[in-house]
N, C-alpha and C. Protein backbone atom coordinates (compact mmCIF):
# COMPACT_ATOMS: atom_id res chain seq x y z
N MET A 1 163.20 43.71 60.24
CA MET A 1 162.06 44.51 59.80
C MET A 1 161.16 43.86 60.70
N ASP A 2 160.56 42.88 60.38
CA ASP A 2 159.01 42.41 60.99
C ASP A 2 159.23 42.62 62.17
N ILE A 3 160.56 42.33 63.17
CA ILE A 3 160.78 42.35 64.99
C ILE A 3 160.60 44.22 64.90
N ILE A 4 160.76 44.65 64.68
CA ILE A 4 161.21 46.25 64.33
C ILE A 4 159.67 47.07 64.19
N GLN A 5 159.05 46.28 62.96
CA GLN A 5 158.16 46.61 63.03
C GLN A 5 156.74 46.27 64.00
N SER A 6 156.86 45.14 64.46
CA SER A 6 155.84 44.61 66.13
C SER A 6 156.33 45.38 67.04
N ILE A 7 157.70 45.70 67.58
CA ILE A 7 158.00 46.45 68.08
C ILE A 7 157.46 48.32 67.83
N LYS A 8 157.63 48.50 66.97
CA LYS A 8 156.63 50.19 66.59
C LYS A 8 154.98 49.93 67.28
N ASN A 9 154.31 48.45 66.42
CA ASN A 9 152.78 48.55 67.05
C ASN A 9 152.69 48.17 68.07
N ALA A 10 153.73 47.81 68.90
CA ALA A 10 153.15 47.43 70.57
C ALA A 10 152.82 48.08 71.12
N ASP A 11 152.07 47.64 72.08
CA ASP A 11 151.54 48.92 73.01
C ASP A 11 153.20 49.91 74.15
N SER A 12 152.71 50.82 74.04
CA SER A 12 153.73 51.47 75.07
C SER A 12 154.01 51.40 76.40
N ASN A 13 153.40 51.20 76.54
CA ASN A 13 152.89 50.95 78.09
C ASN A 13 153.87 49.14 78.20
N LEU A 14 153.98 48.84 77.64
CA LEU A 14 153.96 47.22 77.47
C LEU A 14 155.51 47.18 77.26
N ILE A 15 155.89 47.62 76.64
CA ILE A 15 157.25 47.74 76.13
C ILE A 15 157.97 48.76 77.33
N VAL A 16 157.95 49.74 77.71
CA VAL A 16 158.16 50.33 79.49
C VAL A 16 158.51 49.27 79.76
N PHE A 17 157.66 48.57 80.14
CA PHE A 17 157.28 47.27 81.69
C PHE A 17 158.39 46.47 81.52
N LEU A 18 158.99 45.69 80.24
CA LEU A 18 159.35 45.29 79.71
C LEU A 18 160.84 45.24 79.43
N LEU A 19 161.13 46.64 79.40
CA LEU A 19 162.42 47.66 79.77
C LEU A 19 163.03 47.37 80.64
N THR A 20 161.98 48.27 81.46
CA THR A 20 162.31 48.65 82.82
C THR A 20 162.60 47.03 84.15
N SER A 21 161.61 46.00 83.30
CA SER A 21 162.33 44.46 83.82
C SER A 21 163.29 44.03 83.44
N LEU A 22 163.56 44.64 81.88
CA LEU A 22 165.00 43.72 81.58
C LEU A 22 166.47 44.76 82.44
N ILE A 23 166.15 45.99 82.45
CA ILE A 23 167.08 46.47 82.83
C ILE A 23 167.21 46.45 84.16
N ALA A 24 166.22 46.28 85.11
CA ALA A 24 166.15 45.85 86.46
C ALA A 24 167.18 44.48 86.77
N PHE A 25 166.67 43.02 85.82
CA PHE A 25 167.36 41.87 85.98
C PHE A 25 169.05 41.74 85.40
N ILE A 26 169.04 42.78 84.51
CA ILE A 26 170.92 43.11 83.98
C ILE A 26 171.32 43.81 85.73
N SER A 27 170.98 44.74 85.71
CA SER A 27 171.13 45.19 87.06
C SER A 27 171.74 44.57 88.48
N TRP A 28 170.25 43.56 88.67
CA TRP A 28 170.25 42.30 89.76
C TRP A 28 171.88 41.71 89.50
N ILE A 29 171.45 40.90 88.28
CA ILE A 29 173.04 40.37 87.82
C ILE A 29 174.32 41.38 87.63
N ILE A 30 174.81 42.22 87.53
CA ILE A 30 175.48 43.03 87.67
C ILE A 30 175.56 42.83 89.49
N LYS A 31 175.03 43.81 90.26
CA LYS A 31 174.70 43.37 91.35
C LYS A 31 174.99 42.65 92.44
N ALA A 32 174.44 41.35 91.78
CA ALA A 32 175.13 39.94 92.51
C ALA A 32 176.31 39.63 92.62
N SER A 33 176.90 39.61 91.12
CA SER A 33 178.58 39.11 90.19
C SER A 33 179.59 40.19 91.08
N ILE A 34 179.16 41.32 91.31
CA ILE A 34 179.78 41.98 91.99
C ILE A 34 180.09 41.46 94.00
N GLU A 35 178.68 42.01 94.21
CA GLU A 35 178.98 41.56 95.89
C GLU A 35 179.47 40.51 96.43
N LYS A 36 178.42 39.17 95.45
CA LYS A 36 179.01 37.32 96.58
C LYS A 36 180.02 37.42 96.34
N PRO A 37 181.49 37.64 95.67
CA PRO A 37 182.94 37.33 96.04
C PRO A 37 183.62 38.06 96.55
N ILE A 38 182.78 39.70 96.68
CA ILE A 38 183.06 40.66 97.73
C ILE A 38 182.97 40.19 99.22
N THR A 39 181.20 39.53 99.27
CA THR A 39 181.06 39.43 100.76
C THR A 39 181.52 37.70 101.18
N GLU A 40 182.00 36.91 100.24
CA GLU A 40 182.47 35.98 100.32
C GLU A 40 184.15 35.85 100.60
N SER A 41 184.93 36.77 100.19
CA SER A 41 186.26 37.23 100.49
C SER A 41 186.16 37.74 102.28
N LYS A 42 185.24 38.60 101.92
CA LYS A 42 185.63 39.08 103.40
C LYS A 42 185.25 38.12 104.12
N ALA A 43 184.36 37.21 104.24
CA ALA A 43 183.61 36.46 105.09
C ALA A 43 185.19 35.07 105.76
N THR A 44 185.72 34.96 104.76
CA THR A 44 187.26 34.10 104.58
C THR A 44 188.02 35.19 105.05
N PHE A 45 188.24 36.04 104.64
CA PHE A 45 189.44 36.95 105.77
C PHE A 45 189.60 37.22 106.98
N GLU A 46 187.45 37.38 107.47
CA GLU A 46 187.30 37.72 108.73
C GLU A 46 187.50 36.29 109.48
N ASN A 47 187.62 35.20 109.09
CA ASN A 47 187.79 33.93 110.20
C ASN A 47 188.72 33.54 109.95
N THR A 48 189.56 34.30 109.08
CA THR A 48 191.32 33.58 109.06
C THR A 48 192.01 34.55 109.70
N TYR A 49 192.13 36.08 109.72
CA TYR A 49 193.19 36.63 110.04
C TYR A 49 193.59 36.72 111.45
N ASN A 50 192.68 36.51 112.26
CA ASN A 50 193.08 36.32 113.66
C ASN A 50 193.93 35.27 114.28
N THR A 51 193.61 34.12 113.38
CA THR A 51 194.49 32.72 113.68
C THR A 51 195.57 33.39 112.80
N ARG A 52 195.37 34.15 111.90
CA ARG A 52 196.69 33.77 111.14
C ARG A 52 197.60 34.98 112.04
N ILE A 53 197.29 35.92 112.48
CA ILE A 53 198.05 36.93 113.61
C ILE A 53 198.61 35.98 114.53
N GLU A 54 197.58 35.21 115.45
CA GLU A 54 198.16 34.30 116.51
C GLU A 54 198.87 33.93 116.33
N ILE A 55 199.07 32.90 115.04
CA ILE A 55 200.11 31.42 115.15
C ILE A 55 201.25 32.68 114.46
N LEU A 56 201.10 33.24 113.19
CA LEU A 56 202.42 34.06 113.40
C LEU A 56 202.76 35.15 114.04
N THR A 57 202.29 35.37 114.94
CA THR A 57 203.05 36.29 116.65
C THR A 57 203.68 35.04 117.02
N GLU A 58 203.04 33.82 117.29
CA GLU A 58 203.23 33.05 118.12
C GLU A 58 204.97 32.04 117.71
N ILE A 59 204.85 32.04 116.83
CA ILE A 59 206.02 31.37 116.25
C ILE A 59 207.18 32.12 115.94
N LYS A 60 206.72 33.54 115.71
CA LYS A 60 207.74 35.04 115.47
C LYS A 60 208.34 35.10 116.82
N ASN A 61 208.01 34.77 117.95
CA ASN A 61 208.18 35.32 119.38
C ASN A 61 209.10 34.14 120.16
N ARG A 62 208.87 32.77 119.26
CA ARG A 62 209.41 31.75 119.86
C ARG A 62 211.26 31.52 119.16
N LEU A 63 210.76 32.15 117.56
CA LEU A 63 212.08 31.97 117.17
C LEU A 63 213.08 33.10 117.63
N THR A 64 212.78 33.78 118.13
CA THR A 64 213.41 35.37 118.10
C THR A 64 213.90 34.84 119.61
N LEU A 65 213.19 33.95 120.74
CA LEU A 65 213.72 33.56 121.90
C LEU A 65 215.34 32.74 121.62
N ILE A 66 214.77 31.76 120.17
CA ILE A 66 215.52 30.79 119.77
C ILE A 66 217.09 31.48 119.33
N LEU A 67 217.08 33.15 119.02
CA LEU A 67 218.36 33.27 118.52
C LEU A 67 219.00 33.74 119.86
N TYR A 68 218.08 34.51 120.97
CA TYR A 68 218.69 35.20 122.41
C TYR A 68 219.30 33.57 123.12
N PHE A 69 218.43 32.81 123.16
CA PHE A 69 218.94 31.16 123.77
C PHE A 69 219.48 30.34 122.58
N ASN A 70 220.58 30.75 122.21
CA ASN A 70 221.28 29.84 121.50
C ASN A 70 221.69 28.57 121.54
N SER A 71 221.66 27.93 122.15
CA SER A 71 222.07 26.78 123.09
C SER A 71 221.51 26.35 124.60
N GLY A 72 221.50 25.10 124.80
CA GLY A 72 221.09 24.87 125.77
C GLY A 72 219.65 24.26 125.86
N ASP A 73 219.06 24.34 127.35
CA ASP A 73 218.09 23.41 127.04
C ASP A 73 216.62 24.55 127.12
N ASP A 74 216.43 25.77 127.62
CA ASP A 74 215.70 26.94 127.05
C ASP A 74 215.44 26.79 125.46
N ASN A 75 217.00 26.68 124.45
CA ASN A 75 216.61 26.41 123.08
C ASN A 75 215.95 25.11 122.62
N LEU A 76 216.17 24.57 123.14
CA LEU A 76 215.30 23.50 122.88
C LEU A 76 213.83 23.14 123.73
N LYS A 77 213.31 23.76 124.34
CA LYS A 77 211.99 23.87 124.99
C LYS A 77 211.40 24.88 124.21
N PHE A 78 212.19 26.20 123.08
CA PHE A 78 211.37 27.02 122.69
C PHE A 78 210.97 26.16 121.04
N LYS A 79 212.31 25.15 120.65
CA LYS A 79 211.58 24.23 119.43
C LYS A 79 210.63 23.28 119.49
N GLU A 80 210.43 22.88 120.93
CA GLU A 80 209.15 22.02 120.80
C GLU A 80 208.56 22.71 121.26
N GLN A 81 208.01 23.94 121.46
CA GLN A 81 206.78 24.70 121.55
C GLN A 81 206.59 24.68 120.35
N ILE A 82 207.51 25.00 119.39
CA ILE A 82 207.19 25.63 118.18
C ILE A 82 206.58 24.09 117.25
N GLN A 83 207.20 23.01 117.47
CA GLN A 83 206.54 21.82 116.84
C GLN A 83 205.04 21.61 117.25
N GLY A 84 204.97 21.97 118.85
CA GLY A 84 203.85 21.83 119.65
C GLY A 84 202.57 22.71 118.89
N LEU A 85 202.98 23.89 118.15
CA LEU A 85 202.62 24.92 117.56
C LEU A 85 201.68 24.54 116.31
N LEU A 86 202.49 23.84 115.46
CA LEU A 86 202.62 23.65 114.31
C LEU A 86 201.51 22.35 114.46
N LEU A 87 201.83 21.43 114.82
CA LEU A 87 200.56 20.42 115.58
C LEU A 87 199.11 20.65 116.35
N LYS A 88 198.93 21.56 116.38
CA LYS A 88 197.54 22.00 117.07
C LYS A 88 196.44 22.29 116.16
N ASP A 89 195.77 21.70 116.29
CA ASP A 89 194.29 22.21 116.24
C ASP A 89 194.52 22.46 114.21
N GLY A 90 195.61 22.04 113.30
CA GLY A 90 195.80 22.33 112.15
C GLY A 90 196.27 23.90 111.94
N LYS A 91 196.94 24.73 112.45
CA LYS A 91 197.05 26.17 112.54
C LYS A 91 198.48 26.21 111.80
N SER A 92 198.56 25.42 111.39
CA SER A 92 200.09 25.18 110.37
C SER A 92 199.49 25.82 109.02
N ALA A 93 197.98 25.31 108.81
CA ALA A 93 197.37 25.67 107.25
C ALA A 93 197.73 27.15 107.09
N TYR A 94 197.40 27.73 108.12
CA TYR A 94 197.49 29.17 107.82
C TYR A 94 198.68 30.38 107.49
N LEU A 95 199.95 29.11 107.87
CA LEU A 95 201.20 29.66 107.32
C LEU A 95 201.03 29.37 105.72
N SER A 96 202.32 30.37 105.10
CA SER A 96 202.59 30.05 103.57
C SER A 96 203.55 29.11 103.77
N LYS A 97 203.97 28.52 102.37
CA LYS A 97 205.06 27.28 102.25
C LYS A 97 206.08 27.25 102.83
N GLU A 98 206.70 28.53 102.43
CA GLU A 98 208.53 28.91 102.42
C GLU A 98 208.20 29.34 104.16
N ILE A 99 207.38 29.74 104.68
CA ILE A 99 207.40 30.00 106.13
C ILE A 99 207.25 28.73 106.93
N LEU A 100 206.47 27.92 106.68
CA LEU A 100 206.30 26.40 107.22
C LEU A 100 207.41 25.93 107.07
N ASP A 101 207.98 25.38 105.90
CA ASP A 101 209.25 24.77 105.47
C ASP A 101 210.62 25.38 106.59
N ASN A 102 210.73 26.82 106.21
CA ASN A 102 211.31 27.23 107.23
C ASN A 102 211.44 26.81 108.96
N THR A 103 210.07 26.77 109.14
CA THR A 103 210.09 26.80 110.55
C THR A 103 209.89 25.53 110.81
N ILE A 104 209.66 24.52 110.17
CA ILE A 104 209.79 23.12 110.49
C ILE A 104 211.00 23.20 110.64
N ARG A 105 211.86 22.81 109.93
CA ARG A 105 213.52 22.89 109.50
C ARG A 105 214.45 23.49 110.91
N ILE A 106 213.51 24.69 111.64
CA ILE A 106 214.44 25.25 112.36
C ILE A 106 213.91 24.41 113.86
N SER A 107 212.64 24.07 113.39
CA SER A 107 212.56 23.48 115.03
C SER A 107 213.31 21.87 115.35
N ILE A 108 213.78 21.12 114.25
CA ILE A 108 213.87 20.14 114.35
C ILE A 108 215.66 19.69 114.13
N ASP A 109 216.43 20.84 113.79
CA ASP A 109 217.81 21.30 113.43
C ASP A 109 218.54 21.12 114.82
N GLU A 110 219.53 20.49 115.78
CA GLU A 110 220.28 20.58 116.54
C GLU A 110 220.73 21.82 117.05
N THR A 111 221.44 22.36 115.62
CA THR A 111 222.11 23.59 115.70
C THR A 111 221.69 24.73 114.87
N ASN A 112 221.61 25.92 115.25
CA ASN A 112 220.68 26.88 114.92
C ASN A 112 221.69 27.53 113.83
N ASN A 113 220.37 27.60 112.36
CA ASN A 113 220.83 28.56 111.45
C ASN A 113 220.37 30.01 111.88
N LYS A 114 221.29 30.65 112.08
CA LYS A 114 221.01 32.11 112.30
C LYS A 114 220.16 32.85 111.17
N ASP A 115 220.51 32.79 110.10
CA ASP A 115 220.40 33.45 109.08
C ASP A 115 218.76 32.80 108.51
N LEU A 116 218.70 31.46 108.65
CA LEU A 116 217.62 31.10 108.10
C LEU A 116 216.39 31.50 109.06
N ILE A 117 216.78 31.35 110.56
CA ILE A 117 216.16 32.54 111.33
C ILE A 117 215.18 33.38 111.38
N SER A 118 216.24 34.50 111.00
CA SER A 118 216.43 35.79 110.83
C SER A 118 215.38 35.89 109.46
N ASP A 119 216.40 35.11 108.40
CA ASP A 119 215.39 35.53 107.16
C ASP A 119 213.79 34.72 107.50
N THR A 120 213.37 34.19 108.24
CA THR A 120 212.03 33.75 108.81
C THR A 120 211.04 34.82 109.42
N ILE A 121 211.69 35.16 110.39
CA ILE A 121 211.24 36.44 111.06
C ILE A 121 210.69 37.55 110.48
N SER A 122 211.91 37.79 109.60
CA SER A 122 211.58 38.90 108.30
C SER A 122 210.22 38.31 107.26
N LYS A 123 210.20 37.27 106.71
CA LYS A 123 209.46 37.59 105.81
C LYS A 123 207.86 36.93 107.11
N ILE A 124 207.84 36.71 108.68
CA ILE A 124 206.42 36.66 109.23
C ILE A 124 206.34 38.11 109.45
N ASP A 125 207.27 39.45 109.82
CA ASP A 125 207.29 40.61 110.00
C ASP A 125 206.20 41.06 108.48
N ILE A 126 206.78 40.55 107.51
CA ILE A 126 205.89 41.21 106.09
C ILE A 126 204.30 40.37 106.12
N GLU A 127 204.52 39.64 106.48
CA GLU A 127 202.89 38.84 106.70
C GLU A 127 201.54 39.92 107.32
N LEU A 128 202.49 39.71 108.69
CA LEU A 128 202.15 40.52 110.06
C LEU A 128 201.88 41.97 109.49
N TYR A 129 202.62 42.65 108.86
CA TYR A 129 202.46 43.98 108.65
C TYR A 129 201.33 43.43 107.61
N LYS A 130 201.05 43.35 106.51
CA LYS A 130 199.75 43.43 105.66
C LYS A 130 198.61 43.07 106.25
N LEU A 131 198.36 42.41 107.46
CA LEU A 131 197.79 42.07 107.96
C LEU A 131 197.05 43.19 108.64
N ILE A 132 197.75 43.76 109.80
CA ILE A 132 198.04 44.48 110.38
C ILE A 132 197.33 45.77 110.18
N SER A 133 197.94 45.85 108.73
CA SER A 133 197.71 46.80 108.14
C SER A 133 195.85 47.32 107.91
N LYS A 134 195.79 46.38 107.31
CA LYS A 134 194.41 45.81 106.94
C LYS A 134 193.36 46.52 108.10
N ILE A 135 193.68 46.09 109.51
CA ILE A 135 192.76 45.74 110.38
C ILE A 135 192.63 47.48 110.91
N GLU A 136 193.95 48.02 110.61
CA GLU A 136 194.60 49.42 110.56
C GLU A 136 193.82 50.22 109.64
N ASP A 137 193.53 50.36 108.71
CA ASP A 137 192.34 50.69 107.62
C ASP A 137 191.12 50.98 107.93
N GLU A 138 190.70 49.11 108.50
CA GLU A 138 189.17 49.40 108.64
C GLU A 138 189.25 50.65 110.29
N ILE A 139 189.98 50.34 110.89
CA ILE A 139 189.57 51.28 112.36
C ILE A 139 189.85 52.34 111.82
N ASN A 140 190.81 53.07 110.79
CA ASN A 140 190.65 54.24 110.11
C ASN A 140 189.22 54.84 110.05
N PHE A 141 188.87 53.15 108.97
CA PHE A 141 187.48 53.94 108.26
C PHE A 141 186.60 53.97 108.79
N TYR A 142 186.22 53.50 109.95
CA TYR A 142 185.52 53.94 110.73
C TYR A 142 185.72 54.83 112.24
N ARG A 143 186.75 55.46 112.45
CA ARG A 143 186.73 56.51 112.99
C ARG A 143 186.43 57.50 112.29
N LYS A 144 186.79 57.58 110.85
CA LYS A 144 186.44 58.71 110.00
C LYS A 144 185.20 59.12 110.03
N PHE A 145 184.68 57.67 109.25
CA PHE A 145 182.95 57.88 109.09
C PHE A 145 181.73 57.44 110.00
N SER A 146 182.36 56.89 111.07
CA SER A 146 181.33 56.46 111.88
C SER A 146 181.46 57.46 113.35
N ASN A 147 180.96 58.83 113.24
CA ASN A 147 180.76 59.50 114.95
C ASN A 147 179.67 59.89 115.64
N TYR A 148 180.01 59.72 116.80
CA TYR A 148 178.69 59.70 117.76
C TYR A 148 178.19 61.58 116.99
N ASN A 149 178.54 62.31 117.16
CA ASN A 149 178.16 63.42 116.71
C ASN A 149 177.43 63.27 114.96
N PRO A 150 176.23 63.96 115.41
CA PRO A 150 175.44 63.48 113.99
C PRO A 150 176.26 64.31 112.44
N LEU A 151 176.58 65.41 112.96
CA LEU A 151 176.80 66.58 112.00
C LEU A 151 178.21 65.69 111.34
N ARG A 152 178.98 65.43 112.00
CA ARG A 152 180.25 65.16 111.12
C ARG A 152 180.16 63.47 110.76
N LYS A 153 179.45 62.45 111.20
CA LYS A 153 178.49 61.37 110.93
C LYS A 153 178.08 62.01 109.82
N LEU A 154 177.01 62.91 109.10
CA LEU A 154 176.41 63.46 107.60
C LEU A 154 177.75 63.70 106.87
N LEU A 155 178.54 64.52 107.23
CA LEU A 155 179.28 65.58 106.52
C LEU A 155 180.51 63.98 106.11
N GLY A 156 180.48 63.04 106.93
CA GLY A 156 181.38 62.15 106.67
C GLY A 156 181.06 61.12 105.27
N ILE A 157 179.44 60.91 105.34
CA ILE A 157 178.28 59.81 104.61
C ILE A 157 178.77 60.60 103.40
N VAL A 158 178.43 62.40 103.31
CA VAL A 158 178.47 62.79 102.38
C VAL A 158 179.46 62.90 101.24
N PHE A 159 180.59 63.29 102.49
CA PHE A 159 182.02 62.53 101.46
C PHE A 159 182.45 61.66 101.24
N LEU A 160 181.87 60.79 101.64
CA LEU A 160 181.93 59.08 100.86
C LEU A 160 181.83 59.30 99.88
N ALA A 161 180.47 59.36 99.84
CA ALA A 161 179.45 59.39 98.54
C ALA A 161 179.66 60.32 97.48
N LEU A 162 180.38 61.56 97.49
CA LEU A 162 180.86 61.96 96.73
C LEU A 162 181.92 61.42 96.34
N GLN A 163 183.16 61.12 96.98
CA GLN A 163 184.45 60.15 96.59
C GLN A 163 183.98 59.08 95.67
N ASN A 164 182.96 58.50 95.78
CA ASN A 164 182.42 57.45 95.21
C ASN A 164 182.11 57.73 94.33
N ILE A 165 180.87 58.90 93.84
CA ILE A 165 180.29 59.38 92.58
C ILE A 165 181.61 60.22 91.96
N ILE A 166 182.55 60.98 91.99
CA ILE A 166 184.12 61.36 91.35
C ILE A 166 184.49 59.91 90.48
N THR A 167 185.02 58.89 91.57
CA THR A 167 185.02 57.83 90.86
C THR A 167 184.36 57.29 89.78
N ILE A 168 183.03 56.91 90.25
CA ILE A 168 182.52 56.62 89.31
C ILE A 168 182.51 57.33 87.65
N LEU A 169 182.05 58.41 87.87
CA LEU A 169 182.21 59.39 86.88
C LEU A 169 183.84 59.49 86.07
N LEU A 170 184.72 59.25 86.60
CA LEU A 170 186.25 59.42 86.29
C LEU A 170 186.46 58.44 85.60
N ILE A 171 185.89 57.14 86.08
CA ILE A 171 185.82 55.62 85.10
C ILE A 171 184.84 55.72 84.10
N ALA A 172 183.80 56.59 83.67
CA ALA A 172 183.00 56.09 83.21
C ALA A 172 182.87 56.91 82.08
N LEU A 173 183.44 58.40 81.80
CA LEU A 173 184.61 59.03 81.38
C LEU A 173 185.50 58.17 80.54
N ILE A 174 186.47 57.60 81.14
CA ILE A 174 187.64 56.99 80.74
C ILE A 174 186.96 56.20 79.66
N ILE A 175 185.95 54.99 80.32
CA ILE A 175 185.26 54.35 79.36
C ILE A 175 184.79 54.34 78.32
N PHE A 176 184.19 56.09 78.42
CA PHE A 176 183.53 56.64 76.91
C PHE A 176 184.42 56.78 75.80
N ILE A 177 185.35 57.67 76.88
CA ILE A 177 186.88 57.95 75.74
C ILE A 177 186.78 56.97 74.66
N LEU A 178 187.88 55.93 75.26
CA LEU A 178 188.14 54.90 74.84
C LEU A 178 187.10 53.94 73.39
N ILE A 179 185.52 53.86 74.05
CA ILE A 179 184.70 53.47 73.26
C ILE A 179 184.06 54.06 71.76
N ASN A 180 184.37 55.53 72.19
CA ASN A 180 183.93 56.57 70.97
C ASN A 180 185.18 56.40 70.17
N PHE A 181 186.62 56.39 70.50
CA PHE A 181 187.70 56.40 70.10
C PHE A 181 187.67 55.11 69.05
N TYR A 182 187.51 53.71 69.93
CA TYR A 182 187.58 52.65 68.98
C TYR A 182 186.59 53.01 68.04
N ILE A 183 185.51 53.27 68.07
CA ILE A 183 184.22 53.34 66.98
C ILE A 183 184.81 53.91 65.89
N GLN A 184 185.55 54.99 65.91
CA GLN A 184 185.72 55.82 64.98
C GLN A 184 187.23 56.04 64.42
N SER A 185 188.37 54.52 64.96
CA SER A 185 189.12 54.41 64.55
C SER A 185 189.35 53.52 63.43
N GLU A 186 190.61 53.47 63.04
CA GLU A 186 190.87 52.12 61.97
C GLU A 186 191.34 50.96 62.78
N THR A 187 192.10 50.20 62.28
CA THR A 187 192.13 48.90 62.20
C THR A 187 193.24 48.86 63.44
N CYS A 188 194.22 49.86 63.46
CA CYS A 188 196.00 50.25 64.00
C CYS A 188 194.91 50.91 65.10
N GLY A 189 194.28 51.79 64.80
CA GLY A 189 194.02 52.25 66.44
C GLY A 189 192.80 51.49 67.03
N LYS A 190 192.26 50.55 66.63
CA LYS A 190 191.48 49.87 67.22
C LYS A 190 192.18 48.67 68.00
N ILE A 191 193.27 48.14 67.42
CA ILE A 191 194.83 47.34 68.22
C ILE A 191 194.88 48.33 69.57
N PHE A 192 195.42 49.71 69.03
CA PHE A 192 195.96 49.84 69.88
C PHE A 192 195.45 50.49 71.74
N ILE A 193 193.63 50.87 70.94
CA ILE A 193 193.03 50.85 72.16
C ILE A 193 192.65 49.84 72.97
N ILE A 194 192.85 48.11 71.94
CA ILE A 194 192.10 47.36 72.73
C ILE A 194 193.88 47.27 73.92
N GLY A 195 194.75 47.15 73.64
CA GLY A 195 195.99 47.27 74.30
C GLY A 195 196.09 47.83 75.58
N ILE A 196 195.75 49.32 75.14
CA ILE A 196 195.53 50.52 76.22
C ILE A 196 194.47 49.34 77.39
N SER A 197 193.29 49.30 76.55
CA SER A 197 192.35 48.75 77.57
C SER A 197 192.71 47.28 78.83
N ILE A 198 193.50 46.48 78.12
CA ILE A 198 194.42 45.75 78.76
C ILE A 198 195.52 45.98 79.75
N LEU A 199 196.15 47.07 79.56
CA LEU A 199 196.82 47.78 80.14
C LEU A 199 196.23 48.27 81.62
N LEU A 200 195.25 48.88 81.29
CA LEU A 200 194.21 49.49 82.40
C LEU A 200 194.14 48.39 83.22
N LEU A 201 193.30 47.56 82.40
CA LEU A 201 193.08 46.15 83.26
C LEU A 201 193.67 45.79 84.33
N TRP A 202 195.33 45.38 83.68
CA TRP A 202 196.62 44.59 84.82
C TRP A 202 196.89 45.78 85.33
N THR A 203 196.38 46.67 85.06
CA THR A 203 197.56 47.73 86.31
C THR A 203 196.60 48.38 87.04
N SER A 204 194.87 47.82 87.35
CA SER A 204 193.99 48.32 88.26
C SER A 204 193.84 46.62 88.94
N ASN A 205 194.28 46.01 88.73
CA ASN A 205 194.45 44.44 89.12
C ASN A 205 195.81 44.33 89.85
N TRP A 206 196.99 44.95 90.05
CA TRP A 206 198.16 45.14 90.22
C TRP A 206 197.92 45.78 91.62
N TYR A 207 196.95 47.14 91.06
CA TYR A 207 196.29 48.06 92.09
C TYR A 207 196.11 47.15 93.48
N LEU A 208 194.72 46.60 92.77
CA LEU A 208 194.11 46.14 94.03
C LEU A 208 194.94 45.10 94.37
N SER A 209 195.39 44.24 94.19
CA SER A 209 196.23 42.86 95.21
C SER A 209 197.42 43.79 95.74
N THR A 210 198.00 45.17 95.69
CA THR A 210 199.46 45.67 96.47
C THR A 210 198.76 46.26 97.46
N LYS A 211 197.38 46.17 97.39
CA LYS A 211 197.00 47.70 98.68
C LYS A 211 196.01 46.75 99.65
């Protein structure tokens, strides 16, 4: 009660200043907590995806040639080239454990396991598809929202801003409905809301992880 009374008796300008500073500080913390991991993840992605595409493509090409040249000097040559790629500049670190293990096994086996080679090529194709799809998304985004025509560029920016605003409003509406329903519900209703919230968070995380 003394605290509330002190706040009521305090200078209104001081209260406004303190509240504004507090809101700005909280906003800064939220902004930093969101931007920092995204910025770090982007930097990591940009520093590694070129090398990953390069090593995956080079290994895939040689595995494909091993399938065509099933025996002989050419077959041995391509296996030695794979061994060289895996030992060069630590590029093997950019491969998944399964692909790396399969590739090492293929490169040292005297006889070719066609099923293993084909399976490894398929796994490499999956990883390459994910990496190249990301690049295509970035290119399409740039092409769509960055245009030499000022009108198209302005329309692109407006369209992108509206998309973000509508998305934020929809999310805020869902959160408001859940919180309001949680406050007004009994114990069972609150447990249900908590379960729905966990499900929504899990679904959102799954969606972001697969895109």
